[in-house]
């Protein structure tokens, strides 16, 4: 009953990229594009985006979030 960006959690790797429409994508990019909910989100191309270039206005927020993950609480 689980599906989405976290997979189906049924130990079958063949259906991990099940889209909201129920079809199964073979690549990460096509799969991720099926979950876009906002027109403001860029369509992913065949190469991964460089997050700092694509979302330069959110760099400070990203660095703060990463700092939490690198803190002693997660070591």
PDB file of N, CA and C in Angstrom:
ATOM      1  N   UNK A   1       0.809  -1.201   0.000  1.00  0.00           N
ATOM      2  CA  UNK A   1       0.000   0.000   0.000  1.00  0.00           C
ATOM      3  C   UNK A   1       0.853   1.267   0.000  1.00  0.00           C
ATOM      4  N   UNK A   2       2.162   1.095   0.110  1.00  0.00           N
ATOM      5  CA  UNK A   2       3.065   2.241   0.103  1.00  0.00           C
ATOM      6  C   UNK A   2       3.585   2.438  -1.310  1.00  0.00           C
ATOM      7  N   UNK A   3       3.666   3.692  -1.729  1.00  0.00           N
ATOM      8  CA  UNK A   3       4.285   3.996  -3.011  1.00  0.00           C
ATOM      9  C   UNK A   3       4.704   5.454  -2.993  1.00  0.00           C
ATOM     10  N   UNK A   4       5.439   5.841  -3.991  1.00  0.00           N
ATOM     11  CA  UNK A   4       5.892   7.226  -4.053  1.00  0.00           C
ATOM     12  C   UNK A   4       7.389   7.311  -4.117  1.00  0.00           C
ATOM     13  N   UNK A   5       7.915   8.445  -3.712  1.00  0.00           N
ATOM     14  CA  UNK A   5       9.342   8.676  -3.820  1.00  0.00           C
ATOM     15  C   UNK A   5      10.149   7.767  -2.906  1.00  0.00           C
ATOM     16  N   UNK A   6       9.516   7.174  -1.917  1.00  0.00           N
ATOM     17  CA  UNK A   6      10.223   6.251  -1.012  1.00  0.00           C
ATOM     18  C   UNK A   6      10.116   4.808  -1.477  1.00  0.00           C
ATOM     19  N   UNK A   7       9.466   4.538  -2.574  1.00  0.00           N
ATOM     20  CA  UNK A   7       9.345   3.179  -3.086  1.00  0.00           C
ATOM     21  C   UNK A   7       8.087   2.484  -2.590  1.00  0.00           C
ATOM     22  N   UNK A   8       7.987   1.207  -2.915  1.00  0.00           N
ATOM     23  CA  UNK A   8       6.783   0.436  -2.576  1.00  0.00           C
ATOM     24  C   UNK A   8       6.956  -0.416  -1.329  1.00  0.00           C
ATOM     25  N   UNK A   9       8.174  -0.595  -0.895  1.00  0.00           N
ATOM     26  CA  UNK A   9       8.497  -1.325   0.331  1.00  0.00           C
ATOM     27  C   UNK A   9       7.890  -2.732   0.341  1.00  0.00           C
ATOM     28  N   UNK A  10       8.012  -3.412  -0.781  1.00  0.00           N
ATOM     29  CA  UNK A  10       7.510  -4.789  -0.857  1.00  0.00           C
ATOM     30  C   UNK A  10       8.620  -5.764  -1.250  1.00  0.00           C
ATOM     31  N   UNK A  11       9.858  -5.332  -1.181  1.00  0.00           N
ATOM     32  CA  UNK A  11      11.048  -6.124  -1.497  1.00  0.00           C
ATOM     33  C   UNK A  11      11.150  -6.487  -2.971  1.00  0.00           C
ATOM     34  N   UNK A  12      10.366  -5.869  -3.815  1.00  0.00           N
ATOM     35  CA  UNK A  12      10.425  -6.094  -5.253  1.00  0.00           C
ATOM     36  C   UNK A  12      11.008  -4.843  -5.898  1.00  0.00           C
ATOM     37  N   UNK A  13      12.268  -4.904  -6.283  1.00  0.00           N
ATOM     38  CA  UNK A  13      12.922  -3.726  -6.847  1.00  0.00           C
ATOM     39  C   UNK A  13      12.391  -3.363  -8.222  1.00  0.00           C
ATOM     40  N   UNK A  14      11.652  -4.230  -8.862  1.00  0.00           N
ATOM     41  CA  UNK A  14      11.135  -3.956 -10.207  1.00  0.00           C
ATOM     42  C   UNK A  14      10.027  -2.913 -10.210  1.00  0.00           C
ATOM     43  N   UNK A  15       9.392  -2.659  -9.056  1.00  0.00           N
ATOM     44  CA  UNK A  15       8.290  -1.693  -9.034  1.00  0.00           C
ATOM     45  C   UNK A  15       8.571  -0.483  -8.144  1.00  0.00           C
ATOM     46  N   UNK A  16       9.831  -0.245  -7.828  1.00  0.00           N
ATOM     47  CA  UNK A  16      10.172   0.881  -6.958  1.00  0.00           C
ATOM     48  C   UNK A  16       9.836   2.231  -7.576  1.00  0.00           C
ATOM     49  N   UNK A  17       9.878   2.334  -8.887  1.00  0.00           N
ATOM     50  CA  UNK A  17       9.604   3.611  -9.549  1.00  0.00           C
ATOM     51  C   UNK A  17       8.169   3.683 -10.053  1.00  0.00           C
ATOM     52  N   UNK A  18       7.211   3.231  -9.255  1.00  0.00           N
ATOM     53  CA  UNK A  18       5.805   3.310  -9.621  1.00  0.00           C
ATOM     54  C   UNK A  18       5.341   4.757  -9.481  1.00  0.00           C
ATOM     55  N   UNK A  19       4.744   5.290 -10.535  1.00  0.00           N
ATOM     56  CA  UNK A  19       4.315   6.695 -10.569  1.00  0.00           C
ATOM     57  C   UNK A  19       2.909   6.841  -9.993  1.00  0.00           C
ATOM     58  N   UNK A  20       2.461   8.080  -9.785  1.00  0.00           N
ATOM     59  CA  UNK A  20       1.099   8.286  -9.295  1.00  0.00           C
ATOM     60  C   UNK A  20       0.034   7.683 -10.220  1.00  0.00           C
ATOM     61  N   UNK A  21       0.344   7.571 -11.511  1.00  0.00           N
ATOM     62  CA  UNK A  21      -0.612   6.996 -12.467  1.00  0.00           C
ATOM     63  C   UNK A  21      -0.600   5.468 -12.446  1.00  0.00           C
ATOM     64  N   UNK A  22       0.377   4.884 -11.721  1.00  0.00           N
ATOM     65  CA  UNK A  22       0.443   3.435 -11.623  1.00  0.00           C
ATOM     66  C   UNK A  22       1.391   2.767 -12.594  1.00  0.00           C
ATOM     67  N   UNK A  23       1.987   3.542 -13.510  1.00  0.00           N
ATOM     68  CA  UNK A  23       2.960   2.930 -14.418  1.00  0.00           C
ATOM     69  C   UNK A  23       4.329   2.902 -13.735  1.00  0.00           C
ATOM     70  N   UNK A  24       5.248   2.127 -14.259  1.00  0.00           N
ATOM     71  CA  UNK A  24       6.577   1.997 -13.665  1.00  0.00           C
ATOM     72  C   UNK A  24       7.606   2.599 -14.613  1.00  0.00           C
ATOM     73  N   UNK A  25       8.326   3.598 -14.119  1.00  0.00           N
ATOM     74  CA  UNK A  25       9.390   4.225 -14.902  1.00  0.00           C
ATOM     75  C   UNK A  25      10.681   3.431 -14.716  1.00  0.00           C
ATOM     76  N   UNK A  26      11.561   3.520 -15.694  1.00  0.00           N
ATOM     77  CA  UNK A  26      12.827   2.793 -15.601  1.00  0.00           C
ATOM     78  C   UNK A  26      13.980   3.682 -15.164  1.00  0.00           C
ATOM     79  N   UNK A  27      13.790   4.993 -15.221  1.00  0.00           N
ATOM     80  CA  UNK A  27      14.865   5.906 -14.846  1.00  0.00           C
ATOM     81  C   UNK A  27      14.437   6.883 -13.768  1.00  0.00           C
ATOM     82  N   UNK A  28      15.426   7.345 -13.016  1.00  0.00           N
ATOM     83  CA  UNK A  28      15.171   8.266 -11.915  1.00  0.00           C
ATOM     84  C   UNK A  28      14.573   9.582 -12.396  1.00  0.00           C
ATOM     85  N   UNK A  29      15.105  10.127 -13.487  1.00  0.00           N
ATOM     86  CA  UNK A  29      14.649  11.428 -13.972  1.00  0.00           C
ATOM     87  C   UNK A  29      13.184  11.403 -14.372  1.00  0.00           C
ATOM     88  N   UNK A  30      12.787  10.426 -15.176  1.00  0.00           N
ATOM     89  CA  UNK A  30      11.385  10.334 -15.602  1.00  0.00           C
ATOM     90  C   UNK A  30      10.477  10.103 -14.398  1.00  0.00           C
ATOM     91  N   UNK A  31      10.934   9.288 -13.461  1.00  0.00           N
ATOM     92  CA  UNK A  31      10.156   9.022 -12.256  1.00  0.00           C
ATOM     93  C   UNK A  31       9.960  10.295 -11.435  1.00  0.00           C
ATOM     94  N   UNK A  32      11.028  11.029 -11.196  1.00  0.00           N
ATOM     95  CA  UNK A  32      10.942  12.257 -10.409  1.00  0.00           C
ATOM     96  C   UNK A  32      10.045  13.289 -11.082  1.00  0.00           C
ATOM     97  N   UNK A  33      10.112  13.394 -12.407  1.00  0.00           N
ATOM     98  CA  UNK A  33       9.272  14.358 -13.116  1.00  0.00           C
ATOM     99  C   UNK A  33       7.787  14.058 -12.954  1.00  0.00           C
ATOM    100  N   UNK A  34       7.411  12.796 -12.764  1.00  0.00           N
ATOM    101  CA  UNK A  34       6.002  12.442 -12.581  1.00  0.00           C
ATOM    102  C   UNK A  34       5.453  12.955 -11.255  1.00  0.00           C
ATOM    103  N   UNK A  35       6.343  13.256 -10.305  1.00  0.00           N
ATOM    104  CA  UNK A  35       5.922  13.735  -8.994  1.00  0.00           C
ATOM    105  C   UNK A  35       5.996  15.249  -8.851  1.00  0.00           C
ATOM    106  N   UNK A  36       6.310  15.965  -9.923  1.00  0.00           N
ATOM    107  CA  UNK A  36       6.326  17.427  -9.871  1.00  0.00           C
ATOM    108  C   UNK A  36       4.914  17.919  -9.607  1.00  0.00           C
ATOM    109  N   UNK A  37       4.755  18.783  -8.616  1.00  0.00           N
ATOM    110  CA  UNK A  37       3.430  19.307  -8.306  1.00  0.00           C
ATOM    111  C   UNK A  37       3.314  20.793  -8.577  1.00  0.00           C
ATOM    112  N   UNK A  38       4.424  21.430  -8.829  1.00  0.00           N
ATOM    113  CA  UNK A  38       4.404  22.864  -9.056  1.00  0.00           C
ATOM    114  C   UNK A  38       5.084  23.196 -10.372  1.00  0.00           C
ATOM    115  N   UNK A  39       4.489  24.115 -11.099  1.00  0.00           N
ATOM    116  CA  UNK A  39       5.095  24.576 -12.342  1.00  0.00           C
ATOM    117  C   UNK A  39       6.400  25.320 -12.103  1.00  0.00           C
ATOM    118  N   UNK A  40       6.618  25.744 -10.847  1.00  0.00           N
ATOM    119  CA  UNK A  40       7.857  26.440 -10.514  1.00  0.00           C
ATOM    120  C   UNK A  40       9.035  25.478 -10.422  1.00  0.00           C
ATOM    121  N   UNK A  41       8.761  24.206 -10.214  1.00  0.00           N
ATOM    122  CA  UNK A  41       9.840  23.213 -10.148  1.00  0.00           C
ATOM    123  C   UNK A  41      10.325  22.935 -11.561  1.00  0.00           C
ATOM    124  N   UNK A  42      11.633  22.956 -11.767  1.00  0.00           N
ATOM    125  CA  UNK A  42      12.141  22.702 -13.115  1.00  0.00           C
ATOM    126  C   UNK A  42      11.960  21.240 -13.507  1.00  0.00           C
ATOM    127  N   UNK A  43      11.695  21.012 -14.791  1.00  0.00           N
ATOM    128  CA  UNK A  43      11.642  19.646 -15.309  1.00  0.00           C
ATOM    129  C   UNK A  43      13.070  19.134 -15.327  1.00  0.00           C
ATOM    130  N   UNK A  44      13.265  17.952 -14.770  1.00  0.00           N
ATOM    131  CA  UNK A  44      14.605  17.391 -14.745  1.00  0.00           C
ATOM    132  C   UNK A  44      14.985  16.895 -16.121  1.00  0.00           C
ATOM    133  N   UNK A  45      16.207  17.172 -16.507  1.00  0.00           N
ATOM    134  CA  UNK A  45      16.736  16.686 -17.770  1.00  0.00           C
ATOM    135  C   UNK A  45      17.482  15.383 -17.559  1.00  0.00           C
ATOM    136  N   UNK A  46      18.161  14.912 -18.574  1.00  0.00           N
ATOM    137  CA  UNK A  46      18.859  13.635 -18.441  1.00  0.00           C
ATOM    138  C   UNK A  46      20.033  13.671 -17.467  1.00  0.00           C
ATOM    139  N   UNK A  47      20.586  14.841 -17.234  1.00  0.00           N
ATOM    140  CA  UNK A  47      21.680  14.952 -16.275  1.00  0.00           C
ATOM    141  C   UNK A  47      21.157  15.537 -14.981  1.00  0.00           C
ATOM    142  N   UNK A  48      21.707  15.148 -13.848  1.00  0.00           N
ATOM    143  CA  UNK A  48      21.249  15.718 -12.574  1.00  0.00           C
ATOM    144  C   UNK A  48      21.513  17.220 -12.532  1.00  0.00           C
ATOM    145  N   UNK A  49      20.597  17.949 -11.917  1.00  0.00           N
ATOM    146  CA  UNK A  49      20.776  19.386 -11.734  1.00  0.00           C
ATOM    147  C   UNK A  49      21.858  19.637 -10.702  1.00  0.00           C
ATOM    148  N   UNK A  50      22.535  20.738 -10.863  1.00  0.00           N
ATOM    149  CA  UNK A  50      23.445  21.198  -9.826  1.00  0.00           C
ATOM    150  C   UNK A  50      22.602  22.054  -8.897  1.00  0.00           C
ATOM    151  N   UNK A  51      22.271  21.556  -7.695  1.00  0.00           N
ATOM    152  CA  UNK A  51      21.327  22.249  -6.820  1.00  0.00           C
ATOM    153  C   UNK A  51      21.710  23.694  -6.534  1.00  0.00           C
ATOM    154  N   UNK A  52      22.987  23.977  -6.352  1.00  0.00           N
ATOM    155  CA  UNK A  52      23.385  25.347  -6.025  1.00  0.00           C
ATOM    156  C   UNK A  52      23.147  26.294  -7.191  1.00  0.00           C
ATOM    157  N   UNK A  53      23.224  25.796  -8.419  1.00  0.00           N
ATOM    158  CA  UNK A  53      22.943  26.633  -9.583  1.00  0.00           C
ATOM    159  C   UNK A  53      21.439  26.791  -9.799  1.00  0.00           C
ATOM    160  N   UNK A  54      20.697  25.716  -9.624  1.00  0.00           N
ATOM    161  CA  UNK A  54      19.267  25.734  -9.902  1.00  0.00           C
ATOM    162  C   UNK A  54      18.480  26.498  -8.839  1.00  0.00           C
ATOM    163  N   UNK A  55      18.959  26.478  -7.601  1.00  0.00           N
ATOM    164  CA  UNK A  55      18.226  27.105  -6.502  1.00  0.00           C
ATOM    165  C   UNK A  55      19.156  27.997  -5.688  1.00  0.00           C
ATOM    166  N   UNK A  56      19.810  28.922  -6.344  1.00  0.00           N
ATOM    167  CA  UNK A  56      20.825  29.747  -5.687  1.00  0.00           C
ATOM    168  C   UNK A  56      20.256  30.552  -4.518  1.00  0.00           C
ATOM    169  N   UNK A  57      18.997  30.916  -4.568  1.00  0.00           N
ATOM    170  CA  UNK A  57      18.384  31.689  -3.485  1.00  0.00           C
ATOM    171  C   UNK A  57      18.152  30.886  -2.222  1.00  0.00           C
ATOM    172  N   UNK A  58      18.288  29.578  -2.301  1.00  0.00           N
ATOM    173  CA  UNK A  58      18.047  28.725  -1.137  1.00  0.00           C
ATOM    174  C   UNK A  58      19.335  28.131  -0.569  1.00  0.00           C
ATOM    175  N   UNK A  59      20.454  28.629  -1.011  1.00  0.00           N
ATOM    176  CA  UNK A  59      21.734  28.076  -0.566  1.00  0.00           C
ATOM    177  C   UNK A  59      21.906  28.169   0.946  1.00  0.00           C
ATOM    178  N   UNK A  60      21.580  29.322   1.528  1.00  0.00           N
ATOM    179  CA  UNK A  60      21.742  29.485   2.977  1.00  0.00           C
ATOM    180  C   UNK A  60      20.891  28.491   3.745  1.00  0.00           C
ATOM    181  N   UNK A  61      19.663  28.291   3.305  1.00  0.00           N
ATOM    182  CA  UNK A  61      18.777  27.327   3.959  1.00  0.00           C
ATOM    183  C   UNK A  61      19.344  25.912   3.859  1.00  0.00           C
ATOM    184  N   UNK A  62      19.858  25.566   2.694  1.00  0.00           N
ATOM    185  CA  UNK A  62      20.434  24.239   2.498  1.00  0.00           C
ATOM    186  C   UNK A  62      21.665  24.037   3.369  1.00  0.00           C
ATOM    187  N   UNK A  63      22.501  25.036   3.448  1.00  0.00           N
ATOM    188  CA  UNK A  63      23.700  24.917   4.274  1.00  0.00           C
ATOM    189  C   UNK A  63      23.339  24.790   5.749  1.00  0.00           C
ATOM    190  N   UNK A  64      22.299  25.491   6.188  1.00  0.00           N
ATOM    191  CA  UNK A  64      21.856  25.376   7.579  1.00  0.00           C
ATOM    192  C   UNK A  64      21.304  23.978   7.856  1.00  0.00           C
ATOM    193  N   UNK A  65      20.550  23.431   6.914  1.00  0.00           N
ATOM    194  CA  UNK A  65      20.006  22.089   7.091  1.00  0.00           C
ATOM    195  C   UNK A  65      21.124  21.052   7.121  1.00  0.00           C
ATOM    196  N   UNK A  66      22.113  21.200   6.266  1.00  0.00           N
ATOM    197  CA  UNK A  66      23.243  20.272   6.254  1.00  0.00           C
ATOM    198  C   UNK A  66      24.053  20.382   7.539  1.00  0.00           C
ATOM    199  N   UNK A  67      24.158  21.569   8.076  1.00  0.00           N
ATOM    200  CA  UNK A  67      24.904  21.751   9.322  1.00  0.00           C
ATOM    201  C   UNK A  67      24.265  20.941  10.447  1.00  0.00           C
ATOM    202  N   UNK A  68      22.954  20.864  10.457  1.00  0.00           N
ATOM    203  CA  UNK A  68      22.261  20.057  11.464  1.00  0.00           C
ATOM    204  C   UNK A  68      22.637  18.587  11.298  1.00  0.00           C
ATOM    205  N   UNK A  69      22.664  18.109  10.057  1.00  0.00           N
ATOM    206  CA  UNK A  69      22.995  16.706   9.809  1.00  0.00           C
ATOM    207  C   UNK A  69      24.453  16.385  10.147  1.00  0.00           C
ATOM    208  N   UNK A  70      25.310  17.382  10.072  1.00  0.00           N
ATOM    209  CA  UNK A  70      26.722  17.180  10.407  1.00  0.00           C
ATOM    210  C   UNK A  70      27.011  17.477  11.872  1.00  0.00           C
ATOM    211  N   UNK A  71      25.999  17.799  12.642  1.00  0.00           N
ATOM    212  CA  UNK A  71      26.194  18.150  14.052  1.00  0.00           C
ATOM    213  C   UNK A  71      26.441  16.880  14.900  1.00  0.00           C
ATOM    214  N   UNK A  72      26.897  17.067  16.116  1.00  0.00           N
ATOM    215  CA  UNK A  72      27.152  15.921  16.989  1.00  0.00           C
ATOM    216  C   UNK A  72      25.926  15.035  17.226  1.00  0.00           C
ATOM    217  N   UNK A  73      24.736  15.588  17.112  1.00  0.00           N
ATOM    218  CA  UNK A  73      23.521  14.793  17.343  1.00  0.00           C
ATOM    219  C   UNK A  73      23.412  13.617  16.357  1.00  0.00           C
ATOM    220  N   UNK A  74      24.008  13.749  15.174  1.00  0.00           N
ATOM    221  CA  UNK A  74      23.905  12.708  14.152  1.00  0.00           C
ATOM    222  C   UNK A  74      25.212  11.922  13.969  1.00  0.00           C
ATOM    223  N   UNK A  75      26.131  12.088  14.887  1.00  0.00           N
ATOM    224  CA  UNK A  75      27.403  11.352  14.763  1.00  0.00           C
ATOM    225  C   UNK A  75      27.355  10.053  15.526  1.00  0.00           C
TER     226      UNK A  75
END
